[in-house]
């Protein structure tokens, strides 16, 4: 696969980029280098190598989900400048 001007224009359009002529030529050269390297990688024998989703062993690092009682409504509303019927009272945003 060879990256040509038409492909660079298409990629630029997808990325919403306006490339100058110098930038287009530079992008074309860089993408061709990437494609050439991918061709080299495609020649490697990967039989017996298991596919991986991440380069490092990753495990779930989330804390345990513990159900706790909610805060007291009066404590939450204690410093509210305006409150009504046990809730925050805020100005109208539209009529």
Protein backbone atom coordinates (compact mmCIF):
# COMPACT_ATOMS: atom_id res chain seq x y z
CA UNK A 1 0.00 0.00 0.00
CA UNK A 2 1.33 3.40 -0.97
CA UNK A 3 0.10 6.64 0.53
CA UNK A 4 -0.50 9.17 -2.25
CA UNK A 5 -1.81 12.73 -2.38
CA UNK A 6 -5.41 11.55 -2.77
CA UNK A 7 -5.12 9.45 0.42
CA UNK A 8 -3.55 12.35 2.34
CA UNK A 9 -6.40 14.63 1.23
CA UNK A 10 -8.95 12.04 2.36
CA UNK A 11 -7.27 11.55 5.75
CA UNK A 12 -6.98 15.30 6.19
CA UNK A 13 -10.67 15.69 5.42
CA UNK A 14 -11.61 13.00 7.95
CA UNK A 15 -9.41 14.64 10.60
CA UNK A 16 -10.71 18.11 9.68
CA UNK A 17 -7.17 19.29 8.92
CA UNK A 18 -5.99 21.81 6.38
CA UNK A 19 -2.47 20.84 5.46
CA UNK A 20 -0.02 23.08 3.65
CA UNK A 21 1.92 21.55 0.76
CA UNK A 22 4.99 21.04 2.94
CA UNK A 23 2.90 19.40 5.69
CA UNK A 24 1.14 17.15 3.15
CA UNK A 25 4.46 15.96 1.76
CA UNK A 26 5.83 15.38 5.26
CA UNK A 27 2.69 13.46 6.31
CA UNK A 28 2.86 11.36 3.15
CA UNK A 29 6.50 10.43 3.85
CA UNK A 30 5.81 9.61 7.50
CA UNK A 31 2.78 7.46 6.67
CA UNK A 32 4.72 5.60 3.99
CA UNK A 33 7.42 4.85 6.60
CA UNK A 34 4.74 3.49 8.94
CA UNK A 35 3.28 1.30 6.18
CA UNK A 36 6.76 0.01 5.28
CA UNK A 37 7.38 -0.90 8.92
CA UNK A 38 4.04 -2.69 9.11
CA UNK A 39 5.05 -4.74 6.06
CA UNK A 40 8.18 -5.81 7.93
CA UNK A 41 6.11 -6.77 10.99
CA UNK A 42 3.68 -8.75 8.81
CA UNK A 43 6.57 -10.96 7.70
CA UNK A 44 7.25 -12.16 11.24
CA UNK A 45 6.19 -15.68 12.20
CA UNK A 46 3.66 -15.32 15.01
CA UNK A 47 2.40 -18.89 15.15
CA UNK A 48 1.98 -20.05 18.72
CA UNK A 49 2.02 -16.52 20.11
CA UNK A 50 -1.14 -15.65 22.00
CA UNK A 51 -2.76 -12.32 21.18
CA UNK A 52 -2.82 -9.83 24.01
CA UNK A 53 -5.06 -6.89 24.73
CA UNK A 54 -2.50 -4.97 26.76
CA UNK A 55 1.28 -4.87 26.93
CA UNK A 56 1.31 -5.19 30.72
CA UNK A 57 -0.65 -7.57 32.94
CA UNK A 58 -3.64 -5.52 34.04
CA UNK A 59 -6.06 -6.39 36.80
CA UNK A 60 -9.07 -4.64 38.23
CA UNK A 61 -7.82 -1.96 40.62
CA UNK A 62 -11.22 -0.66 41.70
CA UNK A 63 -12.16 -0.68 45.35
CA UNK A 64 -14.85 -2.98 46.65
CA UNK A 65 -18.34 -1.50 46.25
CA UNK A 66 -19.73 -1.16 49.76
CA UNK A 67 -23.28 0.01 50.36
CA UNK A 68 -23.33 2.74 53.01
CA UNK A 69 -26.15 4.86 54.37
CA UNK A 70 -26.69 8.21 52.67
CA UNK A 71 -25.88 11.50 54.36
CA UNK A 72 -28.60 13.16 56.42
CA UNK A 73 -30.68 15.56 54.30
CA UNK A 74 -30.56 18.29 56.98
CA UNK A 75 -26.75 18.11 57.09
CA UNK A 76 -26.55 18.44 53.30
CA UNK A 77 -28.89 21.45 53.22
CA UNK A 78 -27.34 23.11 56.31
CA UNK A 79 -25.24 25.67 54.36
CA UNK A 80 -27.59 26.04 51.38
CA UNK A 81 -28.44 29.73 50.84
CA UNK A 82 -31.96 28.87 49.64
CA UNK A 83 -33.93 25.71 50.34
CA UNK A 84 -37.52 24.65 49.94
CA UNK A 85 -39.32 21.43 50.90
CA UNK A 86 -36.06 19.66 51.78
CA UNK A 87 -34.29 20.50 48.50
CA UNK A 88 -31.98 23.17 47.08
CA UNK A 89 -33.87 26.17 45.69
CA UNK A 90 -32.20 27.65 42.62
CA UNK A 91 -33.15 30.51 40.28
CA UNK A 92 -35.18 29.69 37.18
CA UNK A 93 -33.08 29.18 34.09
CA UNK A 94 -35.97 29.83 31.66
CA UNK A 95 -39.53 31.08 31.82
